[in-house]
Amino acid sequence: MHRDWYTERLGDLLQDAGHPLPGDGADELMLARDGAMSGAYAGDAIAATAALGRVAERVLAA
């Protein structure tokens, strides 16, 4: 439930920001978040955080 709410909220925020594909952007951000959490857990939190930031910048720039 929380995951669905979080993805929906991201989509709403992207839509409010004028993103052309807010649902797709929300999915990409959630996937990047999941990857960052896994990557940080597996060992390199700094690299995982940096990668998440790059994805977020690209999604927001669309």
PDB file of N, CA and C in Angstrom:
ATOM      1  N   MET A   1       0.820  -1.200   0.000  1.00  0.00           N
ATOM      2  CA  MET A   1       0.000   0.000   0.000  1.00  0.00           C
ATOM      3  C   MET A   1       0.867   1.268   0.000  1.00  0.00           C
ATOM      4  N   HIS A   2       1.885   1.246   0.855  1.00  0.00           N
ATOM      5  CA  HIS A   2       2.744   2.421   0.941  1.00  0.00           C
ATOM      6  C   HIS A   2       3.446   2.680  -0.383  1.00  0.00           C
ATOM      7  N   ARG A   3       3.894   1.626  -1.014  1.00  0.00           N
ATOM      8  CA  ARG A   3       4.589   1.769  -2.288  1.00  0.00           C
ATOM      9  C   ARG A   3       3.664   2.376  -3.350  1.00  0.00           C
ATOM     10  N   ASP A   4       2.439   1.912  -3.401  1.00  0.00           N
ATOM     11  CA  ASP A   4       1.470   2.463  -4.346  1.00  0.00           C
ATOM     12  C   ASP A   4       1.203   3.932  -4.053  1.00  0.00           C
ATOM     13  N   TRP A   5       1.044   4.265  -2.778  1.00  0.00           N
ATOM     14  CA  TRP A   5       0.807   5.655  -2.391  1.00  0.00           C
ATOM     15  C   TRP A   5       1.995   6.521  -2.794  1.00  0.00           C
ATOM     16  N   TYR A   6       3.197   6.036  -2.515  1.00  0.00           N
ATOM     17  CA  TYR A   6       4.414   6.805  -2.803  1.00  0.00           C
ATOM     18  C   TYR A   6       4.545   7.061  -4.304  1.00  0.00           C
ATOM     19  N   THR A   7       4.327   6.035  -5.106  1.00  0.00           N
ATOM     20  CA  THR A   7       4.416   6.190  -6.562  1.00  0.00           C
ATOM     21  C   THR A   7       3.351   7.156  -7.067  1.00  0.00           C
ATOM     22  N   GLU A   8       2.148   7.035  -6.543  1.00  0.00           N
ATOM     23  CA  GLU A   8       1.063   7.946  -6.944  1.00  0.00           C
ATOM     24  C   GLU A   8       1.393   9.381  -6.558  1.00  0.00           C
ATOM     25  N   ARG A   9       1.953   9.563  -5.388  1.00  0.00           N
ATOM     26  CA  ARG A   9       2.311  10.913  -4.926  1.00  0.00           C
ATOM     27  C   ARG A   9       3.391  11.515  -5.813  1.00  0.00           C
ATOM     28  N   LEU A  10       4.398  10.705  -6.156  1.00  0.00           N
ATOM     29  CA  LEU A  10       5.434  11.188  -7.071  1.00  0.00           C
ATOM     30  C   LEU A  10       4.818  11.597  -8.407  1.00  0.00           C
ATOM     31  N   GLY A  11       3.906  10.790  -8.917  1.00  0.00           N
ATOM     32  CA  GLY A  11       3.229  11.118 -10.166  1.00  0.00           C
ATOM     33  C   GLY A  11       2.452  12.423 -10.062  1.00  0.00           C
ATOM     34  N   ASP A  12       1.775  12.613  -8.944  1.00  0.00           N
ATOM     35  CA  ASP A  12       1.036  13.863  -8.731  1.00  0.00           C
ATOM     36  C   ASP A  12       1.976  15.066  -8.720  1.00  0.00           C
ATOM     37  N   LEU A  13       3.086  14.925  -8.030  1.00  0.00           N
ATOM     38  CA  LEU A  13       4.056  16.029  -7.957  1.00  0.00           C
ATOM     39  C   LEU A  13       4.651  16.324  -9.335  1.00  0.00           C
ATOM     40  N   LEU A  14       4.957  15.276 -10.085  1.00  0.00           N
ATOM     41  CA  LEU A  14       5.493  15.488 -11.424  1.00  0.00           C
ATOM     42  C   LEU A  14       4.450  16.128 -12.338  1.00  0.00           C
ATOM     43  N   GLN A  15       3.210  15.710 -12.196  1.00  0.00           N
ATOM     44  CA  GLN A  15       2.144  16.318 -12.998  1.00  0.00           C
ATOM     45  C   GLN A  15       2.004  17.798 -12.649  1.00  0.00           C
ATOM     46  N   ASP A  16       2.025  18.117 -11.373  1.00  0.00           N
ATOM     47  CA  ASP A  16       1.933  19.513 -10.941  1.00  0.00           C
ATOM     48  C   ASP A  16       3.098  20.348 -11.472  1.00  0.00           C
ATOM     49  N   ALA A  17       4.250  19.695 -11.646  1.00  0.00           N
ATOM     50  CA  ALA A  17       5.438  20.387 -12.154  1.00  0.00           C
ATOM     51  C   ALA A  17       5.445  20.473 -13.679  1.00  0.00           C
ATOM     52  N   GLY A  18       4.430  19.892 -14.324  1.00  0.00           N
ATOM     53  CA  GLY A  18       4.329  19.970 -15.774  1.00  0.00           C
ATOM     54  C   GLY A  18       5.114  18.904 -16.519  1.00  0.00           C
ATOM     55  N   HIS A  19       5.464  17.828 -15.850  1.00  0.00           N
ATOM     56  CA  HIS A  19       6.196  16.747 -16.511  1.00  0.00           C
ATOM     57  C   HIS A  19       5.310  16.147 -17.602  1.00  0.00           C
ATOM     58  N   PRO A  20       5.876  15.860 -18.786  1.00  0.00           N
ATOM     59  CA  PRO A  20       5.057  15.352 -19.886  1.00  0.00           C
ATOM     60  C   PRO A  20       4.519  13.932 -19.670  1.00  0.00           C
ATOM     61  N   LEU A  21       5.206  13.118 -18.878  1.00  0.00           N
ATOM     62  CA  LEU A  21       4.787  11.741 -18.609  1.00  0.00           C
ATOM     63  C   LEU A  21       4.946  11.457 -17.115  1.00  0.00           C
ATOM     64  N   PRO A  22       4.070  12.025 -16.292  1.00  0.00           N
ATOM     65  CA  PRO A  22       4.264  11.908 -14.842  1.00  0.00           C
ATOM     66  C   PRO A  22       4.226  10.485 -14.309  1.00  0.00           C
ATOM     67  N   GLY A  23       3.406   9.630 -14.882  1.00  0.00           N
ATOM     68  CA  GLY A  23       3.363   8.239 -14.423  1.00  0.00           C
ATOM     69  C   GLY A  23       4.660   7.506 -14.711  1.00  0.00           C
ATOM     70  N   ASP A  24       5.182   7.713 -15.913  1.00  0.00           N
ATOM     71  CA  ASP A  24       6.463   7.099 -16.279  1.00  0.00           C
ATOM     72  C   ASP A  24       7.584   7.641 -15.402  1.00  0.00           C
ATOM     73  N   GLY A  25       7.575   8.937 -15.186  1.00  0.00           N
ATOM     74  CA  GLY A  25       8.599   9.545 -14.334  1.00  0.00           C
ATOM     75  C   GLY A  25       8.549   9.004 -12.920  1.00  0.00           C
ATOM     76  N   ALA A  26       7.341   8.829 -12.395  1.00  0.00           N
ATOM     77  CA  ALA A  26       7.185   8.282 -11.049  1.00  0.00           C
ATOM     78  C   ALA A  26       7.723   6.861 -10.985  1.00  0.00           C
ATOM     79  N   ASP A  27       7.439   6.065 -12.009  1.00  0.00           N
ATOM     80  CA  ASP A  27       7.954   4.694 -12.054  1.00  0.00           C
ATOM     81  C   ASP A  27       9.482   4.684 -12.094  1.00  0.00           C
ATOM     82  N   GLU A  28      10.067   5.579 -12.888  1.00  0.00           N
ATOM     83  CA  GLU A  28      11.521   5.651 -12.985  1.00  0.00           C
ATOM     84  C   GLU A  28      12.146   6.059 -11.659  1.00  0.00           C
ATOM     85  N   LEU A  29      11.527   7.011 -10.990  1.00  0.00           N
ATOM     86  CA  LEU A  29      12.052   7.436  -9.692  1.00  0.00           C
ATOM     87  C   LEU A  29      11.959   6.322  -8.655  1.00  0.00           C
ATOM     88  N   MET A  30      10.866   5.576  -8.678  1.00  0.00           N
ATOM     89  CA  MET A  30      10.729   4.472  -7.728  1.00  0.00           C
ATOM     90  C   MET A  30      11.755   3.377  -8.017  1.00  0.00           C
ATOM     91  N   LEU A  31      11.973   3.083  -9.280  1.00  0.00           N
ATOM     92  CA  LEU A  31      12.967   2.074  -9.630  1.00  0.00           C
ATOM     93  C   LEU A  31      14.360   2.531  -9.199  1.00  0.00           C
ATOM     94  N   ALA A  32      14.667   3.791  -9.432  1.00  0.00           N
ATOM     95  CA  ALA A  32      15.966   4.325  -9.015  1.00  0.00           C
ATOM     96  C   ALA A  32      16.103   4.311  -7.495  1.00  0.00           C
ATOM     97  N   ARG A  33      15.036   4.624  -6.801  1.00  0.00           N
ATOM     98  CA  ARG A  33      15.044   4.585  -5.331  1.00  0.00           C
ATOM     99  C   ARG A  33      15.309   3.170  -4.839  1.00  0.00           C
ATOM    100  N   ASP A  34      14.619   2.210  -5.438  1.00  0.00           N
ATOM    101  CA  ASP A  34      14.832   0.811  -5.057  1.00  0.00           C
ATOM    102  C   ASP A  34      16.278   0.396  -5.298  1.00  0.00           C
ATOM    103  N   GLY A  35      16.803   0.781  -6.451  1.00  0.00           N
ATOM    104  CA  GLY A  35      18.188   0.449  -6.767  1.00  0.00           C
ATOM    105  C   GLY A  35      19.169   1.104  -5.821  1.00  0.00           C
ATOM    106  N   ALA A  36      18.904   2.351  -5.476  1.00  0.00           N
ATOM    107  CA  ALA A  36      19.783   3.058  -4.542  1.00  0.00           C
ATOM    108  C   ALA A  36      19.756   2.411  -3.165  1.00  0.00           C
ATOM    109  N   MET A  37      18.588   2.007  -2.738  1.00  0.00           N
ATOM    110  CA  MET A  37      18.491   1.349  -1.429  1.00  0.00           C
ATOM    111  C   MET A  37      19.266   0.031  -1.443  1.00  0.00           C
ATOM    112  N   SER A  38      19.114  -0.741  -2.509  1.00  0.00           N
ATOM    113  CA  SER A  38      19.834  -2.012  -2.621  1.00  0.00           C
ATOM    114  C   SER A  38      21.340  -1.786  -2.733  1.00  0.00           C
ATOM    115  N   GLY A  39      21.721  -0.830  -3.556  1.00  0.00           N
ATOM    116  CA  GLY A  39      23.139  -0.530  -3.732  1.00  0.00           C
ATOM    117  C   GLY A  39      23.794  -0.039  -2.460  1.00  0.00           C
ATOM    118  N   ALA A  40      23.089   0.780  -1.730  1.00  0.00           N
ATOM    119  CA  ALA A  40      23.626   1.275  -0.463  1.00  0.00           C
ATOM    120  C   ALA A  40      23.778   0.136   0.538  1.00  0.00           C
ATOM    121  N   TYR A  41      22.796  -0.732   0.567  1.00  0.00           N
ATOM    122  CA  TYR A  41      22.848  -1.883   1.475  1.00  0.00           C
ATOM    123  C   TYR A  41      23.990  -2.825   1.101  1.00  0.00           C
ATOM    124  N   ALA A  42      24.217  -2.980  -0.209  1.00  0.00           N
ATOM    125  CA  ALA A  42      25.249  -3.903  -0.674  1.00  0.00           C
ATOM    126  C   ALA A  42      26.654  -3.360  -0.475  1.00  0.00           C
ATOM    127  N   GLY A  43      26.776  -2.047  -0.251  1.00  0.00           N
ATOM    128  CA  GLY A  43      28.123  -1.593   0.037  1.00  0.00           C
ATOM    129  C   GLY A  43      28.517  -0.172  -0.260  1.00  0.00           C
ATOM    130  N   ASP A  44      28.012   0.440  -1.309  1.00  0.00           N
ATOM    131  CA  ASP A  44      28.511   1.769  -1.653  1.00  0.00           C
ATOM    132  C   ASP A  44      27.384   2.799  -1.609  1.00  0.00           C
ATOM    133  N   ALA A  45      27.118   3.276  -0.432  1.00  0.00           N
ATOM    134  CA  ALA A  45      26.023   4.229  -0.235  1.00  0.00           C
ATOM    135  C   ALA A  45      26.255   5.540  -0.974  1.00  0.00           C
ATOM    136  N   ILE A  46      27.492   5.967  -1.060  1.00  0.00           N
ATOM    137  CA  ILE A  46      27.791   7.241  -1.735  1.00  0.00           C
ATOM    138  C   ILE A  46      27.495   7.127  -3.230  1.00  0.00           C
ATOM    139  N   ALA A  47      27.939   6.068  -3.869  1.00  0.00           N
ATOM    140  CA  ALA A  47      27.680   5.880  -5.299  1.00  0.00           C
ATOM    141  C   ALA A  47      26.191   5.699  -5.557  1.00  0.00           C
ATOM    142  N   ALA A  48      25.512   4.964  -4.693  1.00  0.00           N
ATOM    143  CA  ALA A  48      24.074   4.749  -4.865  1.00  0.00           C
ATOM    144  C   ALA A  48      23.311   6.058  -4.751  1.00  0.00           C
ATOM    145  N   THR A  49      23.697   6.878  -3.800  1.00  0.00           N
ATOM    146  CA  THR A  49      23.040   8.174  -3.624  1.00  0.00           C
ATOM    147  C   THR A  49      23.302   9.084  -4.818  1.00  0.00           C
ATOM    148  N   ALA A  50      24.509   9.083  -5.308  1.00  0.00           N
ATOM    149  CA  ALA A  50      24.851   9.909  -6.475  1.00  0.00           C
ATOM    150  C   ALA A  50      24.061   9.465  -7.706  1.00  0.00           C
ATOM    151  N   ALA A  51      23.949   8.168  -7.908  1.00  0.00           N
ATOM    152  CA  ALA A  51      23.194   7.654  -9.057  1.00  0.00           C
ATOM    153  C   ALA A  51      21.722   8.036  -8.954  1.00  0.00           C
ATOM    154  N   LEU A  52      21.157   7.922  -7.771  1.00  0.00           N
ATOM    155  CA  LEU A  52      19.760   8.324  -7.566  1.00  0.00           C
ATOM    156  C   LEU A  52      19.579   9.804  -7.895  1.00  0.00           C
ATOM    157  N   GLY A  53      20.510  10.617  -7.478  1.00  0.00           N
ATOM    158  CA  GLY A  53      20.442  12.049  -7.782  1.00  0.00           C
ATOM    159  C   GLY A  53      20.479  12.324  -9.274  1.00  0.00           C
ATOM    160  N   ARG A  54      21.324  11.585  -9.991  1.00  0.00           N
ATOM    161  CA  ARG A  54      21.404  11.777 -11.455  1.00  0.00           C
ATOM    162  C   ARG A  54      20.099  11.381 -12.136  1.00  0.00           C
ATOM    163  N   VAL A  55      19.517  10.281 -11.711  1.00  0.00           N
ATOM    164  CA  VAL A  55      18.230   9.854 -12.289  1.00  0.00           C
ATOM    165  C   VAL A  55      17.164  10.906 -12.014  1.00  0.00           C
ATOM    166  N   ALA A  56      17.111  11.377 -10.777  1.00  0.00           N
ATOM    167  CA  ALA A  56      16.103  12.385 -10.411  1.00  0.00           C
ATOM    168  C   ALA A  56      16.274  13.647 -11.265  1.00  0.00           C
ATOM    169  N   GLU A  57      17.507  14.067 -11.480  1.00  0.00           N
ATOM    170  CA  GLU A  57      17.745  15.247 -12.321  1.00  0.00           C
ATOM    171  C   GLU A  57      17.238  15.029 -13.737  1.00  0.00           C
ATOM    172  N   ARG A  58      17.479  13.839 -14.279  1.00  0.00           N
ATOM    173  CA  ARG A  58      17.042  13.546 -15.650  1.00  0.00           C
ATOM    174  C   ARG A  58      15.517  13.488 -15.753  1.00  0.00           C
ATOM    175  N   VAL A  59      14.885  12.886 -14.767  1.00  0.00           N
ATOM    176  CA  VAL A  59      13.417  12.801 -14.783  1.00  0.00           C
ATOM    177  C   VAL A  59      12.825  14.205 -14.680  1.00  0.00           C
ATOM    178  N   LEU A  60      13.365  15.010 -13.804  1.00  0.00           N
ATOM    179  CA  LEU A  60      12.822  16.357 -13.610  1.00  0.00           C
ATOM    180  C   LEU A  60      13.098  17.266 -14.802  1.00  0.00           C
ATOM    181  N   ALA A  61      14.145  16.989 -15.543  1.00  0.00           N
ATOM    182  CA  ALA A  61      14.486  17.816 -16.705  1.00  0.00           C
ATOM    183  C   ALA A  61      13.635  17.495 -17.930  1.00  0.00           C
ATOM    184  N   ALA A  62      12.919  16.382 -17.891  1.00  0.00           N
ATOM    185  CA  ALA A  62      12.130  15.966 -19.057  1.00  0.00           C
ATOM    186  C   ALA A  62      10.993  16.918 -19.352  1.00  0.00           C
TER     187      ALA A  62
END
